[in-house]
């Protein structure tokens, strides 16, 4: 069965964006995007690079991890504001929103229904794993469905901002088993965790 993977960049204090929710890696962003970080993405997770970056870097690799990407309306609208209606045309792209009437890009699938129901359907389909891009609201709604976390941990603190899971996410303590880690010279850590069995949480 396919797995839902929350693959996300985080600061040391567990934040994924500033208080305004804007793209922290954009032209006016504060997130450090170092050459070794970009190279690691291009060689290990090429499918997670947006189309513009893939073209600029000459990346054509299909990727081995994901064939589907999920994002919420706020996350999607960051790309729209930059004039990019589909940043991931090389992936099946689903946007969860109850307010968008139609998708600005024909290949983008709008989902107004319960995210949990849709994700369970996707998991039963054949294919590679499912990338949960964000944002925090969608990650919070799908918290019980996340099978793995891949945290791109940056040597950065924000003090305030958007957390990994939106405030209001149901209190549900979970343990995660570290299954892989990569440390880059720039200080970025790629940490892969698999959800531990429920029995280990209860002790």
C-alpha atoms as a PDB file:
ATOM      1  CA  UNK A   1       0.000   0.000   0.000  1.00  0.00           C
ATOM      2  CA  UNK A   2       1.193   3.515  -0.788  1.00  0.00           C
ATOM      3  CA  UNK A   3       2.269   5.665   2.133  1.00  0.00           C
ATOM      4  CA  UNK A   4       1.593   9.300   2.974  1.00  0.00           C
ATOM      5  CA  UNK A   5       4.874  11.119   3.586  1.00  0.00           C
ATOM      6  CA  UNK A   6       5.057  14.587   5.116  1.00  0.00           C
ATOM      7  CA  UNK A   7       8.219  15.851   3.424  1.00  0.00           C
ATOM      8  CA  UNK A   8       8.803  19.338   4.769  1.00  0.00           C
ATOM      9  CA  UNK A   9      11.497  21.888   5.608  1.00  0.00           C
ATOM     10  CA  UNK A  10      11.554  22.935   9.251  1.00  0.00           C
ATOM     11  CA  UNK A  11      13.517  25.308  11.432  1.00  0.00           C
ATOM     12  CA  UNK A  12      15.130  24.094  14.640  1.00  0.00           C
ATOM     13  CA  UNK A  13      12.169  25.475  16.570  1.00  0.00           C
ATOM     14  CA  UNK A  14       9.651  23.484  14.525  1.00  0.00           C
ATOM     15  CA  UNK A  15       8.408  26.214  12.178  1.00  0.00           C
ATOM     16  CA  UNK A  16       7.903  25.940   8.419  1.00  0.00           C
ATOM     17  CA  UNK A  17       7.287  29.602   7.537  1.00  0.00           C
ATOM     18  CA  UNK A  18       7.131  33.037   9.094  1.00  0.00           C
ATOM     19  CA  UNK A  19       3.991  34.471  10.737  1.00  0.00           C
ATOM     20  CA  UNK A  20       2.648  35.709   7.377  1.00  0.00           C
ATOM     21  CA  UNK A  21       2.835  32.234   5.829  1.00  0.00           C
ATOM     22  CA  UNK A  22       4.707  33.517   2.764  1.00  0.00           C
ATOM     23  CA  UNK A  23       7.231  31.384   0.910  1.00  0.00           C
ATOM     24  CA  UNK A  24      10.392  31.598   3.059  1.00  0.00           C
ATOM     25  CA  UNK A  25      12.562  30.505   0.110  1.00  0.00           C
ATOM     26  CA  UNK A  26      11.193  33.124  -2.289  1.00  0.00           C
ATOM     27  CA  UNK A  27      13.017  36.234  -3.552  1.00  0.00           C
ATOM     28  CA  UNK A  28      12.453  38.038  -0.242  1.00  0.00           C
ATOM     29  CA  UNK A  29      12.749  34.900   1.863  1.00  0.00           C
ATOM     30  CA  UNK A  30      14.979  34.258   4.837  1.00  0.00           C
ATOM     31  CA  UNK A  31      15.441  30.474   4.520  1.00  0.00           C
ATOM     32  CA  UNK A  32      19.022  29.451   3.668  1.00  0.00           C
ATOM     33  CA  UNK A  33      19.101  27.588   0.340  1.00  0.00           C
ATOM     34  CA  UNK A  34      22.689  26.393   0.037  1.00  0.00           C
ATOM     35  CA  UNK A  35      24.342  24.710  -2.975  1.00  0.00           C
ATOM     36  CA  UNK A  36      24.722  21.377  -1.172  1.00  0.00           C
ATOM     37  CA  UNK A  37      21.035  21.473  -0.199  1.00  0.00           C
ATOM     38  CA  UNK A  38      19.950  22.066  -3.791  1.00  0.00           C
ATOM     39  CA  UNK A  39      22.298  19.353  -5.041  1.00  0.00           C
ATOM     40  CA  UNK A  40      20.930  16.851  -2.525  1.00  0.00           C
ATOM     41  CA  UNK A  41      17.377  17.596  -3.618  1.00  0.00           C
ATOM     42  CA  UNK A  42      18.310  17.267  -7.285  1.00  0.00           C
ATOM     43  CA  UNK A  43      19.992  13.892  -6.829  1.00  0.00           C
ATOM     44  CA  UNK A  44      17.880  12.305  -4.097  1.00  0.00           C
ATOM     45  CA  UNK A  45      14.428  13.894  -4.337  1.00  0.00           C
ATOM     46  CA  UNK A  46      14.304  15.332  -7.892  1.00  0.00           C
ATOM     47  CA  UNK A  47      10.534  15.035  -8.158  1.00  0.00           C
ATOM     48  CA  UNK A  48      10.084  17.465  -5.238  1.00  0.00           C
ATOM     49  CA  UNK A  49      11.709  20.327  -7.132  1.00  0.00           C
ATOM     50  CA  UNK A  50       9.161  22.610  -8.819  1.00  0.00           C
ATOM     51  CA  UNK A  51       9.168  22.710 -12.593  1.00  0.00           C
ATOM     52  CA  UNK A  52      11.046  26.016 -12.798  1.00  0.00           C
ATOM     53  CA  UNK A  53      13.869  24.738 -10.616  1.00  0.00           C
ATOM     54  CA  UNK A  54      14.030  21.445 -12.516  1.00  0.00           C
ATOM     55  CA  UNK A  55      14.392  23.328 -15.778  1.00  0.00           C
ATOM     56  CA  UNK A  56      17.021  25.712 -14.403  1.00  0.00           C
ATOM     57  CA  UNK A  57      19.073  22.843 -12.991  1.00  0.00           C
ATOM     58  CA  UNK A  58      18.618  20.572 -15.992  1.00  0.00           C
ATOM     59  CA  UNK A  59      16.855  17.955 -13.864  1.00  0.00           C
ATOM     60  CA  UNK A  60      14.876  15.425 -15.876  1.00  0.00           C
ATOM     61  CA  UNK A  61      14.905  12.475 -13.458  1.00  0.00           C
ATOM     62  CA  UNK A  62      11.482  11.098 -12.717  1.00  0.00           C
ATOM     63  CA  UNK A  63      12.324  10.352  -9.105  1.00  0.00           C
ATOM     64  CA  UNK A  64      11.843   7.221  -7.070  1.00  0.00           C
ATOM     65  CA  UNK A  65       9.869   8.423  -4.045  1.00  0.00           C
ATOM     66  CA  UNK A  66       6.644  10.140  -5.096  1.00  0.00           C
ATOM     67  CA  UNK A  67       4.253  10.340  -8.032  1.00  0.00           C
ATOM     68  CA  UNK A  68       1.566  12.378  -6.261  1.00  0.00           C
ATOM     69  CA  UNK A  69       1.686  15.685  -4.374  1.00  0.00           C
ATOM     70  CA  UNK A  70      -0.957  17.090  -2.015  1.00  0.00           C
ATOM     71  CA  UNK A  71      -1.289  20.656  -0.822  1.00  0.00           C
ATOM     72  CA  UNK A  72      -3.814  22.925   0.829  1.00  0.00           C
ATOM     73  CA  UNK A  73      -5.264  26.101  -0.627  1.00  0.00           C
ATOM     74  CA  UNK A  74      -2.963  28.533   1.196  1.00  0.00           C
ATOM     75  CA  UNK A  75       0.140  26.667   0.092  1.00  0.00           C
ATOM     76  CA  UNK A  76      -1.162  26.425  -3.471  1.00  0.00           C
ATOM     77  CA  UNK A  77      -1.980  30.122  -3.621  1.00  0.00           C
ATOM     78  CA  UNK A  78       1.660  31.024  -2.918  1.00  0.00           C
ATOM     79  CA  UNK A  79       2.487  29.568  -6.326  1.00  0.00           C
ATOM     80  CA  UNK A  80      -0.538  31.208  -7.927  1.00  0.00           C
ATOM     81  CA  UNK A  81       0.566  34.611  -6.641  1.00  0.00           C
ATOM     82  CA  UNK A  82       3.929  34.011  -8.341  1.00  0.00           C
ATOM     83  CA  UNK A  83       2.189  33.171 -11.610  1.00  0.00           C
ATOM     84  CA  UNK A  84       2.657  29.401 -11.318  1.00  0.00           C
ATOM     85  CA  UNK A  85      -0.687  27.550 -11.456  1.00  0.00           C
ATOM     86  CA  UNK A  86       0.964  24.116 -11.423  1.00  0.00           C
ATOM     87  CA  UNK A  87       4.449  23.933  -9.930  1.00  0.00           C
ATOM     88  CA  UNK A  88       4.529  20.130 -10.238  1.00  0.00           C
ATOM     89  CA  UNK A  89       3.274  19.161 -13.715  1.00  0.00           C
ATOM     90  CA  UNK A  90       5.474  16.046 -13.537  1.00  0.00           C
ATOM     91  CA  UNK A  91       3.393  14.747 -10.591  1.00  0.00           C
ATOM     92  CA  UNK A  92      -0.266  14.080 -10.014  1.00  0.00           C
ATOM     93  CA  UNK A  93      -1.257  17.262  -8.201  1.00  0.00           C
ATOM     94  CA  UNK A  94      -4.188  17.482  -5.768  1.00  0.00           C
ATOM     95  CA  UNK A  95      -5.228  20.704  -4.019  1.00  0.00           C
ATOM     96  CA  UNK A  96      -7.616  20.539  -1.062  1.00  0.00           C
ATOM     97  CA  UNK A  97      -9.953  23.499  -0.859  1.00  0.00           C
ATOM     98  CA  UNK A  98     -13.608  24.183  -0.141  1.00  0.00           C
ATOM     99  CA  UNK A  99     -13.437  27.700  -1.569  1.00  0.00           C
ATOM    100  CA  UNK A 100     -11.680  27.396  -4.945  1.00  0.00           C
ATOM    101  CA  UNK A 101     -14.337  27.004  -7.619  1.00  0.00           C
ATOM    102  CA  UNK A 102     -12.052  25.651 -10.323  1.00  0.00           C
ATOM    103  CA  UNK A 103      -8.382  24.824 -10.758  1.00  0.00           C
ATOM    104  CA  UNK A 104      -6.371  27.414 -12.730  1.00  0.00           C
ATOM    105  CA  UNK A 105      -4.389  24.557 -14.312  1.00  0.00           C
ATOM    106  CA  UNK A 106      -6.184  21.686 -16.064  1.00  0.00           C
ATOM    107  CA  UNK A 107      -3.947  19.001 -14.571  1.00  0.00           C
ATOM    108  CA  UNK A 108      -4.548  20.143 -10.974  1.00  0.00           C
ATOM    109  CA  UNK A 109      -7.291  18.167  -9.226  1.00  0.00           C
ATOM    110  CA  UNK A 110      -9.381  20.139  -6.723  1.00  0.00           C
ATOM    111  CA  UNK A 111     -10.708  18.192  -3.739  1.00  0.00           C
ATOM    112  CA  UNK A 112     -13.449  19.730  -1.582  1.00  0.00           C
ATOM    113  CA  UNK A 113     -14.235  16.537   0.349  1.00  0.00           C
ATOM    114  CA  UNK A 114     -12.749  15.218   3.582  1.00  0.00           C
ATOM    115  CA  UNK A 115      -8.945  14.956   3.050  1.00  0.00           C
ATOM    116  CA  UNK A 116      -8.785  11.776   5.122  1.00  0.00           C
ATOM    117  CA  UNK A 117     -11.246   9.952   2.894  1.00  0.00           C
ATOM    118  CA  UNK A 118      -9.432  11.026  -0.282  1.00  0.00           C
ATOM    119  CA  UNK A 119      -6.020  10.057   1.078  1.00  0.00           C
ATOM    120  CA  UNK A 120      -7.242   6.611   2.087  1.00  0.00           C
ATOM    121  CA  UNK A 121      -8.482   6.147  -1.480  1.00  0.00           C
ATOM    122  CA  UNK A 122      -5.109   7.254  -2.859  1.00  0.00           C
ATOM    123  CA  UNK A 123      -3.261   4.851  -0.581  1.00  0.00           C
ATOM    124  CA  UNK A 124      -5.190   1.929  -2.035  1.00  0.00           C
ATOM    125  CA  UNK A 125      -4.188   2.827  -5.588  1.00  0.00           C
ATOM    126  CA  UNK A 126      -1.067   1.507  -7.296  1.00  0.00           C
ATOM    127  CA  UNK A 127       1.930   3.791  -7.574  1.00  0.00           C
ATOM    128  CA  UNK A 128       4.688   5.458  -5.641  1.00  0.00           C
ATOM    129  CA  UNK A 129       4.228   7.166  -2.302  1.00  0.00           C
ATOM    130  CA  UNK A 130       2.200  10.337  -1.742  1.00  0.00           C
ATOM    131  CA  UNK A 131       3.976  13.575  -0.873  1.00  0.00           C
ATOM    132  CA  UNK A 132       2.191  15.807   1.608  1.00  0.00           C
ATOM    133  CA  UNK A 133       3.690  19.190   0.770  1.00  0.00           C
ATOM    134  CA  UNK A 134       1.626  21.199   3.240  1.00  0.00           C
ATOM    135  CA  UNK A 135       0.650  23.537   4.569  1.00  0.00           C
ATOM    136  CA  UNK A 136       0.186  23.178   8.274  1.00  0.00           C
ATOM    137  CA  UNK A 137      -3.615  23.098   8.098  1.00  0.00           C
ATOM    138  CA  UNK A 138      -3.711  20.168   5.693  1.00  0.00           C
ATOM    139  CA  UNK A 139      -0.934  18.416   7.634  1.00  0.00           C
ATOM    140  CA  UNK A 140      -3.001  18.807  10.795  1.00  0.00           C
ATOM    141  CA  UNK A 141      -6.106  17.402   9.118  1.00  0.00           C
ATOM    142  CA  UNK A 142      -4.098  14.426   7.845  1.00  0.00           C
ATOM    143  CA  UNK A 143      -2.043  13.911  11.001  1.00  0.00           C
ATOM    144  CA  UNK A 144      -3.504  10.422  11.724  1.00  0.00           C
ATOM    145  CA  UNK A 145      -2.788   9.310   8.144  1.00  0.00           C
ATOM    146  CA  UNK A 146       0.910  10.226   7.984  1.00  0.00           C
ATOM    147  CA  UNK A 147       3.096   7.127   7.716  1.00  0.00           C
ATOM    148  CA  UNK A 148       6.495   8.811   7.436  1.00  0.00           C
ATOM    149  CA  UNK A 149       8.095  12.161   8.111  1.00  0.00           C
ATOM    150  CA  UNK A 150      11.028  13.466   6.108  1.00  0.00           C
ATOM    151  CA  UNK A 151      12.153  16.626   7.856  1.00  0.00           C
ATOM    152  CA  UNK A 152      14.669  18.883   6.136  1.00  0.00           C
ATOM    153  CA  UNK A 153      15.941  20.465   9.339  1.00  0.00           C
ATOM    154  CA  UNK A 154      17.652  23.795   8.766  1.00  0.00           C
ATOM    155  CA  UNK A 155      20.149  25.331  11.245  1.00  0.00           C
ATOM    156  CA  UNK A 156      17.773  28.262  11.686  1.00  0.00           C
ATOM    157  CA  UNK A 157      15.394  29.514  14.365  1.00  0.00           C
ATOM    158  CA  UNK A 158      12.435  31.798  13.714  1.00  0.00           C
ATOM    159  CA  UNK A 159      10.958  32.561  17.111  1.00  0.00           C
ATOM    160  CA  UNK A 160       7.434  32.754  15.687  1.00  0.00           C
ATOM    161  CA  UNK A 161       5.700  31.449  12.603  1.00  0.00           C
ATOM    162  CA  UNK A 162       3.751  28.556  11.122  1.00  0.00           C
ATOM    163  CA  UNK A 163       4.270  25.232  12.949  1.00  0.00           C
ATOM    164  CA  UNK A 164       4.620  21.801  11.348  1.00  0.00           C
ATOM    165  CA  UNK A 165       0.987  21.119  12.276  1.00  0.00           C
ATOM    166  CA  UNK A 166      -1.566  23.903  12.573  1.00  0.00           C
ATOM    167  CA  UNK A 167      -2.725  24.996  15.994  1.00  0.00           C
ATOM    168  CA  UNK A 168      -5.902  23.108  16.713  1.00  0.00           C
ATOM    169  CA  UNK A 169      -4.615  19.755  15.451  1.00  0.00           C
ATOM    170  CA  UNK A 170      -6.050  17.034  17.691  1.00  0.00           C
ATOM    171  CA  UNK A 171      -3.860  16.063  20.654  1.00  0.00           C
ATOM    172  CA  UNK A 172      -2.606  12.601  19.700  1.00  0.00           C
ATOM    173  CA  UNK A 173       0.930  11.731  20.950  1.00  0.00           C
ATOM    174  CA  UNK A 174       2.887   9.546  18.543  1.00  0.00           C
ATOM    175  CA  UNK A 175       6.368   8.079  18.557  1.00  0.00           C
ATOM    176  CA  UNK A 176       8.466   8.037  15.388  1.00  0.00           C
ATOM    177  CA  UNK A 177      11.400   5.760  14.604  1.00  0.00           C
ATOM    178  CA  UNK A 178      14.431   7.343  12.929  1.00  0.00           C
ATOM    179  CA  UNK A 179      15.146   5.198   9.880  1.00  0.00           C
ATOM    180  CA  UNK A 180      17.578   7.365   7.907  1.00  0.00           C
ATOM    181  CA  UNK A 181      19.557  10.566   8.260  1.00  0.00           C
ATOM    182  CA  UNK A 182      21.868  12.641   6.105  1.00  0.00           C
ATOM    183  CA  UNK A 183      23.940  15.592   7.337  1.00  0.00           C
ATOM    184  CA  UNK A 184      25.060  18.194   4.807  1.00  0.00           C
ATOM    185  CA  UNK A 185      28.121  20.401   5.259  1.00  0.00           C
ATOM    186  CA  UNK A 186      25.855  23.452   5.423  1.00  0.00           C
ATOM    187  CA  UNK A 187      24.285  22.036   8.596  1.00  0.00           C
ATOM    188  CA  UNK A 188      21.004  20.894   7.047  1.00  0.00           C
ATOM    189  CA  UNK A 189      19.829  17.502   8.285  1.00  0.00           C
ATOM    190  CA  UNK A 190      17.537  15.211   6.312  1.00  0.00           C
ATOM    191  CA  UNK A 191      15.764  13.110   8.938  1.00  0.00           C
ATOM    192  CA  UNK A 192      13.455  10.256   7.967  1.00  0.00           C
ATOM    193  CA  UNK A 193      11.051   8.867  10.556  1.00  0.00           C
ATOM    194  CA  UNK A 194       8.533   6.057  10.351  1.00  0.00           C
ATOM    195  CA  UNK A 195       5.494   6.045  12.585  1.00  0.00           C
ATOM    196  CA  UNK A 196       5.968   3.636  15.468  1.00  0.00           C
ATOM    197  CA  UNK A 197       3.280   1.061  16.258  1.00  0.00           C
ATOM    198  CA  UNK A 198       0.530   2.382  18.513  1.00  0.00           C
ATOM    199  CA  UNK A 199       1.537  -0.117  21.204  1.00  0.00           C
ATOM    200  CA  UNK A 200       4.893   1.661  21.589  1.00  0.00           C
ATOM    201  CA  UNK A 201       3.167   4.960  22.272  1.00  0.00           C
ATOM    202  CA  UNK A 202       1.048   3.406  25.023  1.00  0.00           C
ATOM    203  CA  UNK A 203       4.056   1.585  26.449  1.00  0.00           C
END
